[in-house]
Amino acid sequence: MDRASLQERFGIVGDSDAIKNVIDRARQVAKTEITVLLQGESGVGKELIAEMLHETSMRRHEPMVIVNCGAIPEGLIESELFGAEKGAYTGAVERRTGYFEEADGSTIFLDEIGEMPQAAQVRLLRVLETGKFSRVGSSQQQQTDVRIIAATNKNLAKEVEEGRFR
């Protein structure tokens, strides 16, 4: 699909060299399994690019799971992402499936990843490196086949340098 068709289909507005470059790069990586980090100011359309990447990938036949990392309270983010076993914490009255389990075979879009607490970042790194995770309260490893697209308005390189992001 050419650039203009993609822009029309996904509602991406603009004809600057920067927009053309973003779309061309997205077209290049869409058919791969590579993890993608989208960086840019709030409101520039990072979610539209994530949707384009998913919908033009081999995973398009499964729904993309969208997670706003900044909207999940720090105490709940690990159970939301990875699931939890019954009794793992107060209020866990049944086994809960996490977003990574739901996204198996598809794409997970981690919006506002720069807001993710460091404890959850450690577990996320394991998923990035091995595709394995465990539910909160479980020692049993699970495997997931998921493509990760993340977005942030923060400069993650600077956040890493300052010890706030892994």
N, C-alpha and C. Protein backbone atom coordinates (compact mmCIF):
# COMPACT_ATOMS: atom_id res chain seq x y z
N MET A 1 0.85 -1.17 0.00
CA MET A 1 0.00 0.00 0.00
C MET A 1 0.90 1.24 0.00
N ASP A 2 0.57 2.21 -0.83
CA ASP A 2 1.42 3.40 -0.92
C ASP A 2 1.15 4.36 0.24
N ARG A 3 2.01 5.34 0.37
CA ARG A 3 1.97 6.28 1.48
C ARG A 3 0.63 7.01 1.57
N ALA A 4 0.14 7.54 0.45
CA ALA A 4 -1.12 8.30 0.46
C ALA A 4 -2.29 7.42 0.88
N SER A 5 -2.32 6.18 0.44
CA SER A 5 -3.40 5.27 0.82
C SER A 5 -3.36 4.97 2.30
N LEU A 6 -2.17 4.78 2.85
CA LEU A 6 -2.03 4.54 4.29
C LEU A 6 -2.49 5.76 5.09
N GLN A 7 -2.10 6.94 4.64
CA GLN A 7 -2.51 8.15 5.35
C GLN A 7 -4.02 8.29 5.35
N GLU A 8 -4.65 8.01 4.23
CA GLU A 8 -6.11 8.12 4.15
C GLU A 8 -6.78 7.05 5.02
N ARG A 9 -6.31 5.83 4.93
CA ARG A 9 -6.92 4.72 5.68
C ARG A 9 -6.84 4.92 7.19
N PHE A 10 -5.71 5.44 7.68
CA PHE A 10 -5.50 5.54 9.12
C PHE A 10 -5.65 6.97 9.66
N GLY A 11 -6.05 7.90 8.82
CA GLY A 11 -6.31 9.26 9.28
C GLY A 11 -5.07 10.03 9.67
N ILE A 12 -3.97 9.75 8.99
CA ILE A 12 -2.71 10.44 9.29
C ILE A 12 -2.62 11.66 8.38
N VAL A 13 -2.61 12.84 8.99
CA VAL A 13 -2.67 14.09 8.25
C VAL A 13 -1.28 14.70 8.14
N GLY A 14 -0.99 15.28 6.98
CA GLY A 14 0.25 16.01 6.80
C GLY A 14 1.02 15.54 5.58
N ASP A 15 1.83 16.44 5.05
CA ASP A 15 2.66 16.07 3.90
C ASP A 15 4.09 16.58 4.05
N SER A 16 4.49 16.82 5.30
CA SER A 16 5.86 17.26 5.55
C SER A 16 6.82 16.09 5.32
N ASP A 17 8.08 16.42 5.18
CA ASP A 17 9.10 15.39 5.03
C ASP A 17 9.14 14.48 6.25
N ALA A 18 8.89 15.06 7.44
CA ALA A 18 8.91 14.26 8.67
C ALA A 18 7.80 13.21 8.66
N ILE A 19 6.60 13.59 8.26
CA ILE A 19 5.48 12.64 8.20
C ILE A 19 5.76 11.56 7.16
N LYS A 20 6.27 11.97 6.02
CA LYS A 20 6.60 11.00 4.97
C LYS A 20 7.64 10.00 5.46
N ASN A 21 8.64 10.50 6.19
CA ASN A 21 9.68 9.64 6.73
C ASN A 21 9.11 8.64 7.73
N VAL A 22 8.23 9.09 8.63
CA VAL A 22 7.61 8.21 9.62
C VAL A 22 6.82 7.11 8.93
N ILE A 23 6.02 7.48 7.96
CA ILE A 23 5.20 6.49 7.25
C ILE A 23 6.07 5.50 6.48
N ASP A 24 7.10 6.00 5.83
CA ASP A 24 7.99 5.10 5.09
C ASP A 24 8.70 4.12 6.02
N ARG A 25 9.14 4.60 7.18
CA ARG A 25 9.78 3.70 8.15
C ARG A 25 8.79 2.68 8.68
N ALA A 26 7.58 3.14 8.96
CA ALA A 26 6.55 2.22 9.46
C ALA A 26 6.24 1.15 8.41
N ARG A 27 6.21 1.52 7.17
CA ARG A 27 5.98 0.53 6.10
C ARG A 27 7.10 -0.50 6.07
N GLN A 28 8.32 -0.07 6.35
CA GLN A 28 9.46 -0.99 6.34
C GLN A 28 9.37 -2.01 7.47
N VAL A 29 8.98 -1.58 8.67
CA VAL A 29 9.00 -2.48 9.82
C VAL A 29 7.68 -3.21 10.05
N ALA A 30 6.63 -2.81 9.36
CA ALA A 30 5.30 -3.41 9.59
C ALA A 30 5.31 -4.92 9.39
N LYS A 31 6.00 -5.40 8.40
CA LYS A 31 5.98 -6.82 8.07
C LYS A 31 6.98 -7.64 8.88
N THR A 32 7.75 -6.96 9.74
CA THR A 32 8.72 -7.66 10.59
C THR A 32 8.11 -7.93 11.95
N GLU A 33 8.85 -8.61 12.81
CA GLU A 33 8.41 -8.89 14.18
C GLU A 33 9.13 -7.98 15.18
N ILE A 34 9.85 -7.00 14.69
CA ILE A 34 10.67 -6.15 15.54
C ILE A 34 9.80 -5.34 16.51
N THR A 35 10.31 -5.16 17.73
CA THR A 35 9.68 -4.29 18.71
C THR A 35 9.90 -2.85 18.27
N VAL A 36 8.85 -2.04 18.41
CA VAL A 36 8.92 -0.66 17.92
C VAL A 36 8.66 0.31 19.08
N LEU A 37 9.46 1.37 19.15
CA LEU A 37 9.25 2.45 20.10
C LEU A 37 8.92 3.71 19.32
N LEU A 38 7.76 4.28 19.60
CA LEU A 38 7.33 5.52 18.97
C LEU A 38 7.51 6.64 19.98
N GLN A 39 8.28 7.65 19.62
CA GLN A 39 8.50 8.78 20.51
C GLN A 39 8.01 10.04 19.84
N GLY A 40 7.37 10.89 20.62
CA GLY A 40 6.88 12.16 20.09
C GLY A 40 5.99 12.84 21.11
N GLU A 41 5.75 14.11 20.87
CA GLU A 41 4.92 14.88 21.78
C GLU A 41 3.50 14.34 21.81
N SER A 42 2.79 14.65 22.88
CA SER A 42 1.40 14.24 22.99
C SER A 42 0.60 14.84 21.84
N GLY A 43 -0.27 14.02 21.27
CA GLY A 43 -1.16 14.49 20.21
C GLY A 43 -0.63 14.41 18.80
N VAL A 44 0.56 13.84 18.60
CA VAL A 44 1.12 13.79 17.24
C VAL A 44 0.67 12.56 16.45
N GLY A 45 -0.05 11.64 17.08
CA GLY A 45 -0.58 10.50 16.34
C GLY A 45 0.18 9.20 16.51
N LYS A 46 0.83 9.03 17.63
CA LYS A 46 1.59 7.79 17.86
C LYS A 46 0.66 6.57 17.81
N GLU A 47 -0.54 6.69 18.35
CA GLU A 47 -1.48 5.57 18.33
C GLU A 47 -1.93 5.25 16.90
N LEU A 48 -2.05 6.25 16.05
CA LEU A 48 -2.40 6.01 14.65
C LEU A 48 -1.31 5.21 13.94
N ILE A 49 -0.06 5.54 14.24
CA ILE A 49 1.07 4.80 13.65
C ILE A 49 1.08 3.37 14.18
N ALA A 50 0.81 3.19 15.48
CA ALA A 50 0.76 1.85 16.06
C ALA A 50 -0.34 1.03 15.39
N GLU A 51 -1.49 1.64 15.18
CA GLU A 51 -2.59 0.96 14.50
C GLU A 51 -2.20 0.58 13.08
N MET A 52 -1.53 1.49 12.38
CA MET A 52 -1.07 1.20 11.02
C MET A 52 -0.08 0.03 11.02
N LEU A 53 0.86 0.04 11.97
CA LEU A 53 1.83 -1.05 12.06
C LEU A 53 1.14 -2.39 12.26
N HIS A 54 0.17 -2.42 13.17
CA HIS A 54 -0.54 -3.67 13.43
C HIS A 54 -1.38 -4.11 12.23
N GLU A 55 -2.13 -3.19 11.69
CA GLU A 55 -3.07 -3.53 10.61
C GLU A 55 -2.39 -3.89 9.29
N THR A 56 -1.13 -3.55 9.15
CA THR A 56 -0.40 -3.92 7.93
C THR A 56 0.62 -5.03 8.21
N SER A 57 0.51 -5.65 9.40
CA SER A 57 1.42 -6.74 9.77
C SER A 57 0.75 -8.09 9.55
N MET A 58 1.51 -9.15 9.76
CA MET A 58 0.97 -10.50 9.66
C MET A 58 0.05 -10.82 10.84
N ARG A 59 0.05 -9.99 11.86
CA ARG A 59 -0.77 -10.22 13.06
C ARG A 59 -2.13 -9.51 12.97
N ARG A 60 -2.43 -8.90 11.85
CA ARG A 60 -3.63 -8.07 11.71
C ARG A 60 -4.94 -8.83 11.91
N HIS A 61 -4.90 -10.16 11.83
CA HIS A 61 -6.13 -10.95 11.95
C HIS A 61 -6.57 -11.12 13.40
N GLU A 62 -5.73 -10.75 14.34
CA GLU A 62 -6.06 -10.77 15.76
C GLU A 62 -6.15 -9.33 16.25
N PRO A 63 -7.01 -9.04 17.21
CA PRO A 63 -7.13 -7.65 17.69
C PRO A 63 -5.88 -7.20 18.44
N MET A 64 -5.51 -5.95 18.20
CA MET A 64 -4.40 -5.35 18.93
C MET A 64 -4.89 -5.01 20.33
N VAL A 65 -4.08 -5.31 21.34
CA VAL A 65 -4.40 -4.99 22.72
C VAL A 65 -3.73 -3.65 23.05
N ILE A 66 -4.53 -2.69 23.48
CA ILE A 66 -4.02 -1.35 23.78
C ILE A 66 -4.01 -1.13 25.28
N VAL A 67 -2.85 -0.74 25.81
CA VAL A 67 -2.70 -0.53 27.25
C VAL A 67 -2.13 0.87 27.47
N ASN A 68 -2.83 1.68 28.25
CA ASN A 68 -2.30 2.98 28.63
C ASN A 68 -1.59 2.82 29.96
N CYS A 69 -0.28 2.69 29.92
CA CYS A 69 0.51 2.42 31.13
C CYS A 69 0.40 3.55 32.16
N GLY A 70 0.17 4.76 31.70
CA GLY A 70 0.06 5.89 32.61
C GLY A 70 -1.26 5.94 33.36
N ALA A 71 -2.25 5.19 32.91
CA ALA A 71 -3.58 5.22 33.53
C ALA A 71 -3.78 4.10 34.56
N ILE A 72 -2.83 3.17 34.65
CA ILE A 72 -2.97 2.04 35.57
C ILE A 72 -2.21 2.37 36.86
N PRO A 73 -2.87 2.28 38.00
CA PRO A 73 -2.17 2.56 39.27
C PRO A 73 -0.95 1.65 39.46
N GLU A 74 0.08 2.21 40.08
CA GLU A 74 1.35 1.50 40.26
C GLU A 74 1.17 0.13 40.90
N GLY A 75 0.28 0.02 41.87
CA GLY A 75 0.07 -1.24 42.57
C GLY A 75 -0.64 -2.30 41.75
N LEU A 76 -1.22 -1.92 40.63
CA LEU A 76 -1.99 -2.87 39.81
C LEU A 76 -1.36 -3.20 38.47
N ILE A 77 -0.36 -2.45 38.06
CA ILE A 77 0.12 -2.59 36.68
C ILE A 77 0.66 -3.98 36.38
N GLU A 78 1.37 -4.60 37.32
CA GLU A 78 1.92 -5.93 37.04
C GLU A 78 0.81 -6.96 36.87
N SER A 79 -0.23 -6.90 37.69
CA SER A 79 -1.33 -7.86 37.53
C SER A 79 -2.13 -7.57 36.27
N GLU A 80 -2.23 -6.31 35.87
CA GLU A 80 -2.92 -5.97 34.63
C GLU A 80 -2.15 -6.51 33.42
N LEU A 81 -0.83 -6.31 33.42
CA LEU A 81 -0.01 -6.74 32.28
C LEU A 81 0.17 -8.26 32.23
N PHE A 82 0.44 -8.87 33.38
CA PHE A 82 0.85 -10.27 33.40
C PHE A 82 -0.17 -11.22 33.99
N GLY A 83 -1.26 -10.69 34.56
CA GLY A 83 -2.27 -11.53 35.18
C GLY A 83 -1.93 -11.83 36.62
N ALA A 84 -2.86 -12.47 37.31
CA ALA A 84 -2.64 -12.79 38.72
C ALA A 84 -3.38 -14.06 39.08
N GLU A 85 -2.79 -14.78 40.01
CA GLU A 85 -3.42 -16.00 40.53
C GLU A 85 -4.40 -15.64 41.64
N LYS A 86 -5.36 -16.47 41.83
CA LYS A 86 -6.31 -16.31 42.92
C LYS A 86 -5.54 -16.24 44.24
N GLY A 87 -5.85 -15.24 45.05
CA GLY A 87 -5.20 -15.08 46.35
C GLY A 87 -3.84 -14.40 46.30
N ALA A 88 -3.39 -13.95 45.13
CA ALA A 88 -2.07 -13.32 45.02
C ALA A 88 -1.98 -12.01 45.80
N TYR A 89 -3.10 -11.35 45.96
CA TYR A 89 -3.16 -10.10 46.72
C TYR A 89 -4.60 -9.92 47.20
N THR A 90 -4.80 -9.01 48.12
CA THR A 90 -6.13 -8.75 48.64
C THR A 90 -7.06 -8.36 47.49
N GLY A 91 -8.16 -9.05 47.39
CA GLY A 91 -9.11 -8.77 46.32
C GLY A 91 -8.96 -9.67 45.11
N ALA A 92 -7.92 -10.47 45.05
CA ALA A 92 -7.72 -11.40 43.93
C ALA A 92 -8.51 -12.67 44.24
N VAL A 93 -9.81 -12.67 43.91
CA VAL A 93 -10.68 -13.78 44.26
C VAL A 93 -10.76 -14.84 43.17
N GLU A 94 -10.14 -14.57 42.03
CA GLU A 94 -10.07 -15.56 40.96
C GLU A 94 -8.84 -15.29 40.11
N ARG A 95 -8.46 -16.28 39.32
CA ARG A 95 -7.32 -16.12 38.41
C ARG A 95 -7.68 -15.04 37.38
N ARG A 96 -6.73 -14.15 37.12
CA ARG A 96 -6.95 -13.08 36.15
C ARG A 96 -5.95 -13.18 35.02
N THR A 97 -6.46 -13.13 33.82
CA THR A 97 -5.63 -13.12 32.61
C THR A 97 -5.10 -11.71 32.40
N GLY A 98 -3.81 -11.59 32.09
CA GLY A 98 -3.22 -10.28 31.85
C GLY A 98 -3.20 -9.93 30.37
N TYR A 99 -2.84 -8.70 30.10
CA TYR A 99 -2.82 -8.21 28.72
C TYR A 99 -1.86 -8.99 27.82
N PHE A 100 -0.71 -9.42 28.36
CA PHE A 100 0.23 -10.17 27.52
C PHE A 100 -0.34 -11.52 27.13
N GLU A 101 -1.08 -12.13 27.99
CA GLU A 101 -1.73 -13.39 27.67
C GLU A 101 -2.84 -13.17 26.63
N GLU A 102 -3.60 -12.09 26.80
CA GLU A 102 -4.66 -11.75 25.85
C GLU A 102 -4.10 -11.46 24.46
N ALA A 103 -2.93 -10.86 24.41
CA ALA A 103 -2.34 -10.44 23.14
C ALA A 103 -1.56 -11.56 22.45
N ASP A 104 -1.51 -12.75 23.02
CA ASP A 104 -0.75 -13.85 22.42
C ASP A 104 -1.17 -14.05 20.97
N GLY A 105 -0.20 -14.02 20.07
CA GLY A 105 -0.47 -14.17 18.64
C GLY A 105 -0.79 -12.85 17.96
N SER A 106 -0.76 -11.76 18.70
CA SER A 106 -1.12 -10.46 18.15
C SER A 106 -0.09 -9.41 18.54
N THR A 107 -0.57 -8.18 18.66
CA THR A 107 0.26 -7.03 18.99
C THR A 107 -0.25 -6.41 20.27
N ILE A 108 0.67 -5.97 21.13
CA ILE A 108 0.29 -5.19 22.30
C ILE A 108 0.89 -3.80 22.14
N PHE A 109 0.06 -2.79 22.33
CA PHE A 109 0.50 -1.40 22.24
C PHE A 109 0.56 -0.83 23.65
N LEU A 110 1.77 -0.55 24.10
CA LEU A 110 2.00 -0.01 25.44
C LEU A 110 2.18 1.50 25.33
N ASP A 111 1.07 2.21 25.47
CA ASP A 111 1.09 3.66 25.37
C ASP A 111 1.58 4.25 26.69
N GLU A 112 2.27 5.37 26.61
CA GLU A 112 2.84 6.04 27.79
C GLU A 112 3.75 5.11 28.58
N ILE A 113 4.58 4.35 27.88
CA ILE A 113 5.48 3.40 28.54
C ILE A 113 6.47 4.11 29.46
N GLY A 114 6.76 5.36 29.20
CA GLY A 114 7.67 6.12 30.06
C GLY A 114 7.12 6.34 31.45
N GLU A 115 5.84 6.09 31.65
CA GLU A 115 5.21 6.24 32.97
C GLU A 115 5.22 4.93 33.77
N MET A 116 5.72 3.85 33.18
CA MET A 116 5.69 2.55 33.84
C MET A 116 6.65 2.52 35.03
N PRO A 117 6.17 2.05 36.19
CA PRO A 117 7.04 1.94 37.37
C PRO A 117 8.22 0.99 37.12
N GLN A 118 9.34 1.24 37.79
CA GLN A 118 10.54 0.44 37.55
C GLN A 118 10.36 -1.04 37.88
N ALA A 119 9.57 -1.36 38.88
CA ALA A 119 9.36 -2.77 39.22
C ALA A 119 8.72 -3.52 38.05
N ALA A 120 7.77 -2.89 37.41
CA ALA A 120 7.12 -3.51 36.25
C ALA A 120 8.07 -3.55 35.05
N GLN A 121 8.97 -2.59 34.96
CA GLN A 121 9.93 -2.56 33.85
C GLN A 121 10.81 -3.79 33.86
N VAL A 122 11.18 -4.27 35.05
CA VAL A 122 12.01 -5.46 35.17
C VAL A 122 11.30 -6.66 34.54
N ARG A 123 10.03 -6.82 34.86
CA ARG A 123 9.25 -7.94 34.30
C ARG A 123 9.04 -7.76 32.80
N LEU A 124 8.85 -6.52 32.37
CA LEU A 124 8.68 -6.25 30.95
C LEU A 124 9.95 -6.60 30.17
N LEU A 125 11.11 -6.30 30.73
CA LEU A 125 12.37 -6.64 30.07
C LEU A 125 12.47 -8.15 29.82
N ARG A 126 12.02 -8.93 30.78
CA ARG A 126 12.04 -10.40 30.62
C ARG A 126 11.17 -10.83 29.44
N VAL A 127 10.00 -10.22 29.32
CA VAL A 127 9.12 -10.55 28.20
C VAL A 127 9.77 -10.14 26.88
N LEU A 128 10.40 -8.97 26.87
CA LEU A 128 11.07 -8.50 25.65
C LEU A 128 12.20 -9.44 25.24
N GLU A 129 12.96 -9.92 26.22
CA GLU A 129 14.13 -10.75 25.93
C GLU A 129 13.76 -12.20 25.61
N THR A 130 12.77 -12.75 26.32
CA THR A 130 12.51 -14.19 26.21
C THR A 130 11.09 -14.56 25.78
N GLY A 131 10.17 -13.60 25.87
CA GLY A 131 8.77 -13.92 25.60
C GLY A 131 8.11 -14.65 26.76
N LYS A 132 8.78 -14.70 27.90
CA LYS A 132 8.25 -15.43 29.06
C LYS A 132 7.84 -14.47 30.17
N PHE A 133 6.81 -14.87 30.91
CA PHE A 133 6.34 -14.11 32.05
C PHE A 133 5.64 -15.06 33.00
N SER A 134 5.37 -14.58 34.19
CA SER A 134 4.56 -15.36 35.13
C SER A 134 3.51 -14.43 35.72
N ARG A 135 2.37 -15.01 36.02
CA ARG A 135 1.32 -14.22 36.66
C ARG A 135 1.79 -13.82 38.06
N VAL A 136 1.25 -12.73 38.58
CA VAL A 136 1.53 -12.32 39.95
C VAL A 136 1.02 -13.43 40.86
N GLY A 137 1.88 -13.89 41.77
CA GLY A 137 1.51 -14.96 42.69
C GLY A 137 1.77 -16.35 42.17
N SER A 138 2.44 -16.47 41.02
CA SER A 138 2.73 -17.77 40.44
C SER A 138 4.22 -17.87 40.12
N SER A 139 4.75 -19.07 40.21
CA SER A 139 6.14 -19.28 39.81
C SER A 139 6.20 -19.99 38.46
N GLN A 140 5.06 -20.34 37.92
CA GLN A 140 5.00 -21.03 36.63
C GLN A 140 5.19 -20.04 35.48
N GLN A 141 6.17 -20.33 34.64
CA GLN A 141 6.46 -19.48 33.49
C GLN A 141 5.46 -19.76 32.35
N GLN A 142 5.07 -18.70 31.68
CA GLN A 142 4.23 -18.82 30.51
C GLN A 142 4.96 -18.19 29.34
N GLN A 143 4.69 -18.68 28.16
CA GLN A 143 5.30 -18.15 26.94
C GLN A 143 4.24 -17.38 26.17
N THR A 144 4.62 -16.25 25.63
CA THR A 144 3.72 -15.47 24.80
C THR A 144 4.40 -15.12 23.49
N ASP A 145 3.62 -15.13 22.44
CA ASP A 145 4.09 -14.72 21.11
C ASP A 145 3.39 -13.42 20.79
N VAL A 146 4.05 -12.32 21.13
CA VAL A 146 3.42 -11.02 21.00
C VAL A 146 4.42 -10.02 20.42
N ARG A 147 3.91 -9.16 19.56
CA ARG A 147 4.73 -8.06 19.07
C ARG A 147 4.43 -6.86 19.93
N ILE A 148 5.48 -6.18 20.37
CA ILE A 148 5.31 -5.03 21.24
C ILE A 148 5.58 -3.75 20.47
N ILE A 149 4.61 -2.85 20.56
CA ILE A 149 4.77 -1.48 20.07
C ILE A 149 4.56 -0.60 21.29
N ALA A 150 5.52 0.25 21.58
CA ALA A 150 5.43 1.13 22.74
C ALA A 150 5.52 2.58 22.28
N ALA A 151 4.92 3.46 23.08
CA ALA A 151 4.95 4.88 22.74
C ALA A 151 5.15 5.71 24.00
N THR A 152 5.81 6.83 23.82
CA THR A 152 6.04 7.75 24.93
C THR A 152 6.28 9.16 24.40
N ASN A 153 5.98 10.12 25.26
CA ASN A 153 6.34 11.50 24.92
C ASN A 153 7.62 11.91 25.64
N LYS A 154 8.22 10.99 26.38
CA LYS A 154 9.46 11.26 27.10
C LYS A 154 10.67 10.86 26.25
N ASN A 155 11.80 11.45 26.59
CA ASN A 155 13.07 11.07 25.97
C ASN A 155 13.60 9.89 26.78
N LEU A 156 13.35 8.67 26.32
CA LEU A 156 13.71 7.49 27.12
C LEU A 156 15.22 7.33 27.27
N ALA A 157 15.99 7.76 26.30
CA ALA A 157 17.44 7.68 26.45
C ALA A 157 17.90 8.50 27.65
N LYS A 158 17.32 9.68 27.81
CA LYS A 158 17.65 10.54 28.95
C LYS A 158 17.13 9.91 30.24
N GLU A 159 15.94 9.31 30.21
CA GLU A 159 15.37 8.65 31.38
C GLU A 159 16.26 7.49 31.84
N VAL A 160 16.81 6.74 30.88
CA VAL A 160 17.71 5.63 31.19
C VAL A 160 18.99 6.18 31.82
N GLU A 161 19.54 7.21 31.20
CA GLU A 161 20.77 7.83 31.69
C GLU A 161 20.61 8.33 33.12
N GLU A 162 19.43 8.83 33.46
CA GLU A 162 19.18 9.37 34.79
C GLU A 162 18.63 8.31 35.77
N GLY A 163 18.60 7.05 35.32
CA GLY A 163 18.23 5.95 36.19
C GLY A 163 16.73 5.80 36.46
N ARG A 164 15.91 6.45 35.65
CA ARG A 164 14.46 6.37 35.87
C ARG A 164 13.77 5.38 34.95
N PHE A 165 14.50 4.84 33.98
CA PHE A 165 13.93 3.86 33.06
C PHE A 165 14.99 2.83 32.73
N ARG A 166 14.54 1.58 32.63
CA ARG A 166 15.49 0.48 32.37
C ARG A 166 15.57 0.21 30.89
